[in-house]
């Protein structure tokens, strides 16, 4: 999961800090 988490952090760093965003992280129960 670390590789995916690092990509999320990279996306977060690239977002305009003057704007707001809602990110949905979709997965079934118990999948991590």
ModelCIF file with pLDDT and N, C-alpha, C, O atoms, coordinates in Angstrom:
data_MODEL
#
_entry.id   MODEL 
#
_entity.id                         1 
_entity.type                       polymer 
_entity.pdbx_number_of_molecules   1 
#
_entity_poly.entity_id                      1 
_entity_poly.type                           'polypeptide(L)' 
_entity_poly.nstd_linkage                   no 
_entity_poly.nstd_monomer                   no 
_entity_poly.pdbx_seq_one_letter_code       
;(UNK)(UNK)(UNK)(UNK)(UNK)(UNK)(UNK)(UNK)(UNK)(UNK)(UNK)(UNK)(UNK)(UNK)(UNK)(UNK)
(UNK)(UNK)(UNK)(UNK)(UNK)(UNK)(UNK)(UNK)(UNK)(UNK)(UNK)(UNK)(UNK)(UNK)(UNK)(UNK)
;
_entity_poly.pdbx_seq_one_letter_code_can   XXXXXXXXXXXXXXXXXXXXXXXXXXXXXXXX 
_entity_poly.pdbx_strand_id                 A 
#
loop_
_entity_poly_seq.entity_id 
_entity_poly_seq.num 
_entity_poly_seq.mon_id 
_entity_poly_seq.hetero 
1 1  UNK n 
1 2  UNK n 
1 3  UNK n 
1 4  UNK n 
1 5  UNK n 
1 6  UNK n 
1 7  UNK n 
1 8  UNK n 
1 9  UNK n 
1 10 UNK n 
1 11 UNK n 
1 12 UNK n 
1 13 UNK n 
1 14 UNK n 
1 15 UNK n 
1 16 UNK n 
1 17 UNK n 
1 18 UNK n 
1 19 UNK n 
1 20 UNK n 
1 21 UNK n 
1 22 UNK n 
1 23 UNK n 
1 24 UNK n 
1 25 UNK n 
1 26 UNK n 
1 27 UNK n 
1 28 UNK n 
1 29 UNK n 
1 30 UNK n 
1 31 UNK n 
1 32 UNK n 
#
_struct_asym.id          A 
_struct_asym.entity_id   1 
#
loop_
_ma_qa_metric.id 
_ma_qa_metric.mode 
_ma_qa_metric.name 
_ma_qa_metric.software_group_id 
_ma_qa_metric.type 
1 global pLDDT . pLDDT 
2 local  pLDDT . pLDDT 
#
_ma_qa_metric_global.metric_id      1 
_ma_qa_metric_global.metric_value   77.81 
_ma_qa_metric_global.model_id       1 
_ma_qa_metric_global.ordinal_id     1 
#
loop_
_ma_qa_metric_local.label_asym_id 
_ma_qa_metric_local.label_comp_id 
_ma_qa_metric_local.label_seq_id 
_ma_qa_metric_local.metric_id 
_ma_qa_metric_local.metric_value 
_ma_qa_metric_local.model_id 
_ma_qa_metric_local.ordinal_id 
A UNK 1  2 70.00 1 1  
A UNK 2  2 75.00 1 2  
A UNK 3  2 76.00 1 3  
A UNK 4  2 78.00 1 4  
A UNK 5  2 79.00 1 5  
A UNK 6  2 78.00 1 6  
A UNK 7  2 80.00 1 7  
A UNK 8  2 80.00 1 8  
A UNK 9  2 80.00 1 9  
A UNK 10 2 80.00 1 10 
A UNK 11 2 77.00 1 11 
A UNK 12 2 79.00 1 12 
A UNK 13 2 78.00 1 13 
A UNK 14 2 78.00 1 14 
A UNK 15 2 77.00 1 15 
A UNK 16 2 75.00 1 16 
A UNK 17 2 71.00 1 17 
A UNK 18 2 74.00 1 18 
A UNK 19 2 78.00 1 19 
A UNK 20 2 80.00 1 20 
A UNK 21 2 84.00 1 21 
A UNK 22 2 86.00 1 22 
A UNK 23 2 86.00 1 23 
A UNK 24 2 85.00 1 24 
A UNK 25 2 85.00 1 25 
A UNK 26 2 84.00 1 26 
A UNK 27 2 80.00 1 27 
A UNK 28 2 76.00 1 28 
A UNK 29 2 72.00 1 29 
A UNK 30 2 67.00 1 30 
A UNK 31 2 69.00 1 31 
A UNK 32 2 73.00 1 32 
#
loop_
_atom_site.group_PDB 
_atom_site.id 
_atom_site.type_symbol 
_atom_site.label_atom_id 
_atom_site.label_alt_id 
_atom_site.label_comp_id 
_atom_site.label_asym_id 
_atom_site.label_entity_id 
_atom_site.label_seq_id 
_atom_site.pdbx_PDB_ins_code 
_atom_site.Cartn_x 
_atom_site.Cartn_y 
_atom_site.Cartn_z 
_atom_site.occupancy 
_atom_site.B_iso_or_equiv 
_atom_site.pdbx_formal_charge 
_atom_site.auth_seq_id 
_atom_site.auth_comp_id 
_atom_site.auth_asym_id 
_atom_site.auth_atom_id 
_atom_site.pdbx_PDB_model_num 
ATOM 1   N N  . UNK A 1 1  ? 0.814   -1.218 0.000  1.00 70.00 ? 1  UNK A N  1 
ATOM 2   C CA . UNK A 1 1  ? 0.000   0.000  0.000  1.00 70.00 ? 1  UNK A CA 1 
ATOM 3   C C  . UNK A 1 1  ? 0.854   1.278  0.000  1.00 70.00 ? 1  UNK A C  1 
ATOM 4   O O  . UNK A 1 1  ? 0.363   2.351  -0.351 1.00 70.00 ? 1  UNK A O  1 
ATOM 5   N N  . UNK A 1 2  ? 2.113   1.164  0.388  1.00 75.00 ? 2  UNK A N  1 
ATOM 6   C CA . UNK A 1 2  ? 2.956   2.352  0.526  1.00 75.00 ? 2  UNK A CA 1 
ATOM 7   C C  . UNK A 1 2  ? 3.095   3.093  -0.797 1.00 75.00 ? 2  UNK A C  1 
ATOM 8   O O  . UNK A 1 2  ? 3.041   4.323  -0.827 1.00 75.00 ? 2  UNK A O  1 
ATOM 9   N N  . UNK A 1 3  ? 3.270   2.367  -1.874 1.00 76.00 ? 3  UNK A N  1 
ATOM 10  C CA . UNK A 1 3  ? 3.424   3.004  -3.184 1.00 76.00 ? 3  UNK A CA 1 
ATOM 11  C C  . UNK A 1 3  ? 2.195   3.840  -3.528 1.00 76.00 ? 3  UNK A C  1 
ATOM 12  O O  . UNK A 1 3  ? 2.319   4.960  -4.023 1.00 76.00 ? 3  UNK A O  1 
ATOM 13  N N  . UNK A 1 4  ? 1.003   3.289  -3.263 1.00 78.00 ? 4  UNK A N  1 
ATOM 14  C CA . UNK A 1 4  ? -0.235  4.028  -3.528 1.00 78.00 ? 4  UNK A CA 1 
ATOM 15  C C  . UNK A 1 4  ? -0.324  5.250  -2.623 1.00 78.00 ? 4  UNK A C  1 
ATOM 16  O O  . UNK A 1 4  ? -0.715  6.328  -3.071 1.00 78.00 ? 4  UNK A O  1 
ATOM 17  N N  . UNK A 1 5  ? 0.041   5.087  -1.331 1.00 79.00 ? 5  UNK A N  1 
ATOM 18  C CA . UNK A 1 5  ? -0.002  6.209  -0.383 1.00 79.00 ? 5  UNK A CA 1 
ATOM 19  C C  . UNK A 1 5  ? 0.921   7.334  -0.827 1.00 79.00 ? 5  UNK A C  1 
ATOM 20  O O  . UNK A 1 5  ? 0.575   8.509  -0.704 1.00 79.00 ? 5  UNK A O  1 
ATOM 21  N N  . UNK A 1 6  ? 2.095   6.978  -1.345 1.00 78.00 ? 6  UNK A N  1 
ATOM 22  C CA . UNK A 1 6  ? 3.044   7.997  -1.809 1.00 78.00 ? 6  UNK A CA 1 
ATOM 23  C C  . UNK A 1 6  ? 2.490   8.768  -3.006 1.00 78.00 ? 6  UNK A C  1 
ATOM 24  O O  . UNK A 1 6  ? 2.734   9.967  -3.144 1.00 78.00 ? 6  UNK A O  1 
ATOM 25  N N  . UNK A 1 7  ? 1.750   8.083  -3.863 1.00 80.00 ? 7  UNK A N  1 
ATOM 26  C CA . UNK A 1 7  ? 1.137   8.763  -5.005 1.00 80.00 ? 7  UNK A CA 1 
ATOM 27  C C  . UNK A 1 7  ? 0.066   9.732  -4.529 1.00 80.00 ? 7  UNK A C  1 
ATOM 28  O O  . UNK A 1 7  ? -0.085  10.818 -5.087 1.00 80.00 ? 7  UNK A O  1 
ATOM 29  N N  . UNK A 1 8  ? -0.684  9.338  -3.489 1.00 80.00 ? 8  UNK A N  1 
ATOM 30  C CA . UNK A 1 8  ? -1.708  10.239 -2.930 1.00 80.00 ? 8  UNK A CA 1 
ATOM 31  C C  . UNK A 1 8  ? -1.039  11.497 -2.371 1.00 80.00 ? 8  UNK A C  1 
ATOM 32  O O  . UNK A 1 8  ? -1.501  12.614 -2.606 1.00 80.00 ? 8  UNK A O  1 
ATOM 33  N N  . UNK A 1 9  ? 0.044   11.303 -1.634 1.00 80.00 ? 9  UNK A N  1 
ATOM 34  C CA . UNK A 1 9  ? 0.757   12.453 -1.061 1.00 80.00 ? 9  UNK A CA 1 
ATOM 35  C C  . UNK A 1 9  ? 1.253   13.362 -2.172 1.00 80.00 ? 9  UNK A C  1 
ATOM 36  O O  . UNK A 1 9  ? 1.207   14.586 -2.048 1.00 80.00 ? 9  UNK A O  1 
ATOM 37  N N  . UNK A 1 10 ? 1.725   12.768 -3.252 1.00 80.00 ? 10 UNK A N  1 
ATOM 38  C CA . UNK A 1 10 ? 2.197   13.565 -4.389 1.00 80.00 ? 10 UNK A CA 1 
ATOM 39  C C  . UNK A 1 10 ? 1.063   14.386 -4.978 1.00 80.00 ? 10 UNK A C  1 
ATOM 40  O O  . UNK A 1 10 ? 1.256   15.551 -5.325 1.00 80.00 ? 10 UNK A O  1 
ATOM 41  N N  . UNK A 1 11 ? -0.123  13.788 -5.094 1.00 77.00 ? 11 UNK A N  1 
ATOM 42  C CA . UNK A 1 11 ? -1.295  14.522 -5.592 1.00 77.00 ? 11 UNK A CA 1 
ATOM 43  C C  . UNK A 1 11 ? -1.652  15.659 -4.640 1.00 77.00 ? 11 UNK A C  1 
ATOM 44  O O  . UNK A 1 11 ? -1.944  16.770 -5.082 1.00 77.00 ? 11 UNK A O  1 
ATOM 45  N N  . UNK A 1 12 ? -1.628  15.386 -3.335 1.00 79.00 ? 12 UNK A N  1 
ATOM 46  C CA . UNK A 1 12 ? -1.963  16.415 -2.337 1.00 79.00 ? 12 UNK A CA 1 
ATOM 47  C C  . UNK A 1 12 ? -1.015  17.604 -2.438 1.00 79.00 ? 12 UNK A C  1 
ATOM 48  O O  . UNK A 1 12 ? -1.433  18.758 -2.351 1.00 79.00 ? 12 UNK A O  1 
ATOM 49  N N  . UNK A 1 13 ? 0.258   17.304 -2.621 1.00 78.00 ? 13 UNK A N  1 
ATOM 50  C CA . UNK A 1 13 ? 1.248   18.388 -2.711 1.00 78.00 ? 13 UNK A CA 1 
ATOM 51  C C  . UNK A 1 13 ? 1.053   19.242 -3.962 1.00 78.00 ? 13 UNK A C  1 
ATOM 52  O O  . UNK A 1 13 ? 1.421   20.417 -3.982 1.00 78.00 ? 13 UNK A O  1 
ATOM 53  N N  . UNK A 1 14 ? 0.475   18.648 -5.000 1.00 78.00 ? 14 UNK A N  1 
ATOM 54  C CA . UNK A 1 14 ? 0.315   19.381 -6.266 1.00 78.00 ? 14 UNK A CA 1 
ATOM 55  C C  . UNK A 1 14 ? -0.958  20.218 -6.315 1.00 78.00 ? 14 UNK A C  1 
ATOM 56  O O  . UNK A 1 14 ? -1.103  21.072 -7.189 1.00 78.00 ? 14 UNK A O  1 
ATOM 57  N N  . UNK A 1 15 ? -1.888  19.980 -5.380 1.00 77.00 ? 15 UNK A N  1 
ATOM 58  C CA . UNK A 1 15 ? -3.151  20.718 -5.402 1.00 77.00 ? 15 UNK A CA 1 
ATOM 59  C C  . UNK A 1 15 ? -2.948  22.171 -4.983 1.00 77.00 ? 15 UNK A C  1 
ATOM 60  O O  . UNK A 1 15 ? -2.113  22.474 -4.131 1.00 77.00 ? 15 UNK A O  1 
ATOM 61  N N  . UNK A 1 16 ? -3.717  23.054 -5.590 1.00 75.00 ? 16 UNK A N  1 
ATOM 62  C CA . UNK A 1 16 ? -3.675  24.485 -5.281 1.00 75.00 ? 16 UNK A CA 1 
ATOM 63  C C  . UNK A 1 16 ? -4.117  24.698 -3.839 1.00 75.00 ? 16 UNK A C  1 
ATOM 64  O O  . UNK A 1 16 ? -5.240  24.351 -3.474 1.00 75.00 ? 16 UNK A O  1 
ATOM 65  N N  . UNK A 1 17 ? -3.235  25.269 -3.018 1.00 71.00 ? 17 UNK A N  1 
ATOM 66  C CA . UNK A 1 17 ? -3.567  25.435 -1.607 1.00 71.00 ? 17 UNK A CA 1 
ATOM 67  C C  . UNK A 1 17 ? -4.569  26.555 -1.359 1.00 71.00 ? 17 UNK A C  1 
ATOM 68  O O  . UNK A 1 17 ? -5.021  26.737 -0.228 1.00 71.00 ? 17 UNK A O  1 
ATOM 69  N N  . UNK A 1 18 ? -4.917  27.298 -2.383 1.00 74.00 ? 18 UNK A N  1 
ATOM 70  C CA . UNK A 1 18 ? -5.935  28.336 -2.235 1.00 74.00 ? 18 UNK A CA 1 
ATOM 71  C C  . UNK A 1 18 ? -7.339  27.778 -2.463 1.00 74.00 ? 18 UNK A C  1 
ATOM 72  O O  . UNK A 1 18 ? -8.338  28.465 -2.250 1.00 74.00 ? 18 UNK A O  1 
ATOM 73  N N  . UNK A 1 19 ? -7.393  26.536 -2.895 1.00 78.00 ? 19 UNK A N  1 
ATOM 74  C CA . UNK A 1 19 ? -8.693  25.941 -3.200 1.00 78.00 ? 19 UNK A CA 1 
ATOM 75  C C  . UNK A 1 19 ? -8.974  24.765 -2.262 1.00 78.00 ? 19 UNK A C  1 
ATOM 76  O O  . UNK A 1 19 ? -8.072  24.236 -1.612 1.00 78.00 ? 19 UNK A O  1 
ATOM 77  N N  . UNK A 1 20 ? -10.232 24.377 -2.210 1.00 80.00 ? 20 UNK A N  1 
ATOM 78  C CA . UNK A 1 20 ? -10.617 23.222 -1.392 1.00 80.00 ? 20 UNK A CA 1 
ATOM 79  C C  . UNK A 1 20 ? -10.977 22.051 -2.314 1.00 80.00 ? 20 UNK A C  1 
ATOM 80  O O  . UNK A 1 20 ? -11.441 22.235 -3.439 1.00 80.00 ? 20 UNK A O  1 
ATOM 81  N N  . UNK A 1 21 ? -10.745 20.846 -1.794 1.00 84.00 ? 21 UNK A N  1 
ATOM 82  C CA . UNK A 1 21 ? -11.041 19.647 -2.567 1.00 84.00 ? 21 UNK A CA 1 
ATOM 83  C C  . UNK A 1 21 ? -11.597 18.569 -1.627 1.00 84.00 ? 21 UNK A C  1 
ATOM 84  O O  . UNK A 1 21 ? -11.277 18.522 -0.439 1.00 84.00 ? 21 UNK A O  1 
ATOM 85  N N  . UNK A 1 22 ? -12.435 17.712 -2.200 1.00 86.00 ? 22 UNK A N  1 
ATOM 86  C CA . UNK A 1 22 ? -12.913 16.533 -1.474 1.00 86.00 ? 22 UNK A CA 1 
ATOM 87  C C  . UNK A 1 22 ? -12.498 15.296 -2.271 1.00 86.00 ? 22 UNK A C  1 
ATOM 88  O O  . UNK A 1 22 ? -12.897 15.105 -3.420 1.00 86.00 ? 22 UNK A O  1 
ATOM 89  N N  . UNK A 1 23 ? -11.693 14.474 -1.629 1.00 86.00 ? 23 UNK A N  1 
ATOM 90  C CA . UNK A 1 23 ? -11.207 13.244 -2.263 1.00 86.00 ? 23 UNK A CA 1 
ATOM 91  C C  . UNK A 1 23 ? -11.936 12.056 -1.654 1.00 86.00 ? 23 UNK A C  1 
ATOM 92  O O  . UNK A 1 23 ? -11.960 11.893 -0.434 1.00 86.00 ? 23 UNK A O  1 
ATOM 93  N N  . UNK A 1 24 ? -12.517 11.244 -2.490 1.00 85.00 ? 24 UNK A N  1 
ATOM 94  C CA . UNK A 1 24 ? -13.144 10.009 -2.020 1.00 85.00 ? 24 UNK A CA 1 
ATOM 95  C C  . UNK A 1 24 ? -12.213 8.832  -2.253 1.00 85.00 ? 24 UNK A C  1 
ATOM 96  O O  . UNK A 1 24 ? -11.825 8.558  -3.389 1.00 85.00 ? 24 UNK A O  1 
ATOM 97  N N  . UNK A 1 25 ? -11.854 8.137  -1.186 1.00 85.00 ? 25 UNK A N  1 
ATOM 98  C CA . UNK A 1 25 ? -10.996 6.949  -1.304 1.00 85.00 ? 25 UNK A CA 1 
ATOM 99  C C  . UNK A 1 25 ? -11.903 5.726  -1.171 1.00 85.00 ? 25 UNK A C  1 
ATOM 100 O O  . UNK A 1 25 ? -12.294 5.350  -0.066 1.00 85.00 ? 25 UNK A O  1 
ATOM 101 N N  . UNK A 1 26 ? -12.229 5.118  -2.297 1.00 84.00 ? 26 UNK A N  1 
ATOM 102 C CA . UNK A 1 26 ? -13.240 4.067  -2.335 1.00 84.00 ? 26 UNK A CA 1 
ATOM 103 C C  . UNK A 1 26 ? -12.613 2.677  -2.203 1.00 84.00 ? 26 UNK A C  1 
ATOM 104 O O  . UNK A 1 26 ? -11.644 2.352  -2.888 1.00 84.00 ? 26 UNK A O  1 
ATOM 105 N N  . UNK A 1 27 ? -13.176 1.876  -1.323 1.00 80.00 ? 27 UNK A N  1 
ATOM 106 C CA . UNK A 1 27 ? -12.769 0.472  -1.183 1.00 80.00 ? 27 UNK A CA 1 
ATOM 107 C C  . UNK A 1 27 ? -13.772 -0.224 -0.279 1.00 80.00 ? 27 UNK A C  1 
ATOM 108 O O  . UNK A 1 27 ? -14.445 0.425  0.522  1.00 80.00 ? 27 UNK A O  1 
ATOM 109 N N  . UNK A 1 28 ? -13.874 -1.522 -0.404 1.00 76.00 ? 28 UNK A N  1 
ATOM 110 C CA . UNK A 1 28 ? -14.811 -2.291 0.420  1.00 76.00 ? 28 UNK A CA 1 
ATOM 111 C C  . UNK A 1 28 ? -14.288 -2.412 1.843  1.00 76.00 ? 28 UNK A C  1 
ATOM 112 O O  . UNK A 1 28 ? -13.116 -2.144 2.110  1.00 76.00 ? 28 UNK A O  1 
ATOM 113 N N  . UNK A 1 29 ? -15.156 -2.812 2.741  1.00 72.00 ? 29 UNK A N  1 
ATOM 114 C CA . UNK A 1 29 ? -14.784 -3.005 4.145  1.00 72.00 ? 29 UNK A CA 1 
ATOM 115 C C  . UNK A 1 29 ? -13.622 -3.990 4.266  1.00 72.00 ? 29 UNK A C  1 
ATOM 116 O O  . UNK A 1 29 ? -13.569 -5.015 3.586  1.00 72.00 ? 29 UNK A O  1 
ATOM 117 N N  . UNK A 1 30 ? -12.708 -3.645 5.147  1.00 67.00 ? 30 UNK A N  1 
ATOM 118 C CA . UNK A 1 30 ? -11.630 -4.575 5.465  1.00 67.00 ? 30 UNK A CA 1 
ATOM 119 C C  . UNK A 1 30 ? -10.533 -4.654 4.438  1.00 67.00 ? 30 UNK A C  1 
ATOM 120 O O  . UNK A 1 30 ? -9.651  -5.505 4.556  1.00 67.00 ? 30 UNK A O  1 
ATOM 121 N N  . UNK A 1 31 ? -10.550 -3.795 3.424  1.00 69.00 ? 31 UNK A N  1 
ATOM 122 C CA . UNK A 1 31 ? -9.550  -3.903 2.355  1.00 69.00 ? 31 UNK A CA 1 
ATOM 123 C C  . UNK A 1 31 ? -8.320  -3.040 2.592  1.00 69.00 ? 31 UNK A C  1 
ATOM 124 O O  . UNK A 1 31 ? -7.391  -3.066 1.784  1.00 69.00 ? 31 UNK A O  1 
ATOM 125 N N  . UNK A 1 32 ? -8.291  -2.269 3.690  1.00 73.00 ? 32 UNK A N  1 
ATOM 126 C CA . UNK A 1 32 ? -7.072  -1.539 4.038  1.00 73.00 ? 32 UNK A CA 1 
ATOM 127 C C  . UNK A 1 32 ? -7.140  -0.043 3.856  1.00 73.00 ? 32 UNK A C  1 
ATOM 128 O O  . UNK A 1 32 ? -6.163  0.656  4.124  1.00 73.00 ? 32 UNK A O  1 
#
